[in-house]
Amino acid sequence: MLGTRRIADDVALVVSELVTNAVRHSGCRPGQTIGFDALWSGGCVRIAVHDPGRSDQAPRIGQRAPTEAGGLGLRLVQQLARRWGSDRRDGRLVWAELAL
């Protein structure tokens, strides 16, 4: 459905980064879930990850030195997506749109 292998790889990487961030930072407890959705429309794919949103901090690109490990996930998402953001509704929803 995604056409080229490049966009499929980009989508897989963005999904991986957003779900990893949700697992690491959401404060999700046993029995709670992290959800994922993708919608293809108008020449783009919109990826959305929803978590319980127990953290009060909105997702943001880290300000780490290039020599420090980690903290590059949202920087990758920003580079691959034409836009991304987050919303607070019944938890935290982080989304990214990639052009097909």
Protein backbone atom coordinates (compact mmCIF):
# COMPACT_ATOMS: atom_id res chain seq x y z
CA MET A 1 0.00 0.00 0.00
CA LEU A 2 2.85 2.39 0.68
CA GLY A 3 4.32 2.06 -2.80
CA THR A 4 8.06 2.46 -2.52
CA ARG A 5 10.30 0.69 -0.08
CA ARG A 6 11.77 4.03 1.05
CA ILE A 7 8.45 5.36 2.35
CA ALA A 8 7.65 1.99 3.94
CA ASP A 9 10.98 2.10 5.77
CA ASP A 10 10.35 5.72 6.84
CA VAL A 11 6.88 4.84 8.14
CA ALA A 12 8.26 1.85 10.06
CA LEU A 13 10.97 4.02 11.63
CA VAL A 14 8.51 6.76 12.66
CA VAL A 15 6.11 4.19 14.15
CA SER A 16 8.99 2.60 16.05
CA GLU A 17 10.19 5.94 17.45
CA LEU A 18 6.71 7.11 18.51
CA VAL A 19 5.79 3.81 20.15
CA THR A 20 9.18 3.62 21.90
CA ASN A 21 8.68 7.13 23.28
CA ALA A 22 5.20 6.21 24.49
CA VAL A 23 6.54 3.12 26.26
CA ARG A 24 9.42 5.04 27.86
CA HIS A 25 7.70 8.29 28.81
CA SER A 26 3.94 7.77 29.15
CA GLY A 27 3.88 6.34 32.65
CA CYS A 28 1.78 3.48 31.31
CA ARG A 29 0.92 1.01 34.07
CA PRO A 30 0.19 -2.72 33.80
CA GLY A 31 -3.24 -3.19 32.26
CA GLN A 32 -3.10 0.11 30.37
CA THR A 33 -2.55 0.16 26.63
CA ILE A 34 -0.66 2.10 24.01
CA GLY A 35 -2.53 2.30 20.72
CA PHE A 36 -1.37 2.88 17.17
CA ASP A 37 -3.27 4.00 14.08
CA ALA A 38 -2.33 4.83 10.49
CA LEU A 39 -4.45 6.55 7.88
CA TRP A 40 -3.60 6.90 4.20
CA SER A 41 -5.25 9.93 2.60
CA GLY A 42 -4.50 12.78 0.22
CA GLY A 43 -0.98 11.70 -0.69
CA CYS A 44 0.21 11.18 2.88
CA VAL A 45 0.14 8.68 5.69
CA ARG A 46 -0.80 9.94 9.17
CA ILE A 47 0.60 7.90 12.02
CA ALA A 48 -0.83 8.36 15.51
CA VAL A 49 0.20 6.77 18.81
CA HIS A 50 -2.05 7.13 21.85
CA ASP A 51 -0.98 6.46 25.43
CA PRO A 52 -2.46 7.09 28.89
CA GLY A 53 -0.54 10.37 29.04
CA ARG A 54 0.43 10.22 32.69
CA SER A 55 3.41 12.50 32.02
CA ASP A 56 2.74 16.23 32.19
CA GLN A 57 5.50 17.00 29.69
CA ALA A 58 4.63 17.43 26.03
CA PRO A 59 6.88 15.62 23.56
CA ARG A 60 9.80 17.78 22.48
CA ILE A 61 13.03 17.39 20.58
CA GLY A 62 15.88 16.81 23.02
CA GLN A 63 18.80 19.20 23.35
CA ARG A 64 21.55 16.63 23.77
CA ALA A 65 25.12 16.96 22.65
CA PRO A 66 25.97 14.90 19.54
CA THR A 67 28.23 12.68 21.67
CA GLU A 68 25.42 11.71 24.11
CA ALA A 69 23.48 8.50 23.54
CA GLY A 70 19.72 8.57 23.00
CA GLY A 71 17.31 11.44 22.60
CA LEU A 72 17.25 11.38 18.80
CA GLY A 73 13.82 9.82 18.20
CA LEU A 74 11.79 12.98 17.70
CA ARG A 75 14.64 14.54 15.74
CA LEU A 76 14.33 11.62 13.28
CA VAL A 77 10.55 12.02 13.21
CA GLN A 78 10.95 15.74 12.44
CA GLN A 79 13.34 14.96 9.57
CA LEU A 80 11.11 12.30 8.02
CA ALA A 81 7.67 13.84 8.55
CA ARG A 82 6.27 16.84 6.75
CA ARG A 83 4.74 17.77 10.12
CA TRP A 84 4.19 16.24 13.55
CA GLY A 85 2.70 17.21 16.89
CA SER A 86 0.80 16.09 19.94
CA ASP A 87 -2.60 16.57 21.52
CA ARG A 88 -3.93 16.03 25.02
CA ARG A 89 -7.23 14.19 24.86
CA ASP A 90 -7.98 11.24 27.04
CA GLY A 91 -4.23 10.77 27.42
CA ARG A 92 -1.55 11.81 24.96
CA LEU A 93 -1.77 11.47 21.18
CA VAL A 94 1.45 11.97 19.20
CA TRP A 95 1.12 12.05 15.43
CA ALA A 96 3.24 12.47 12.32
CA GLU A 97 2.38 12.91 8.65
CA LEU A 98 4.66 11.59 5.92
CA ALA A 99 4.24 12.40 2.23
CA LEU A 100 3.79 9.36 0.00
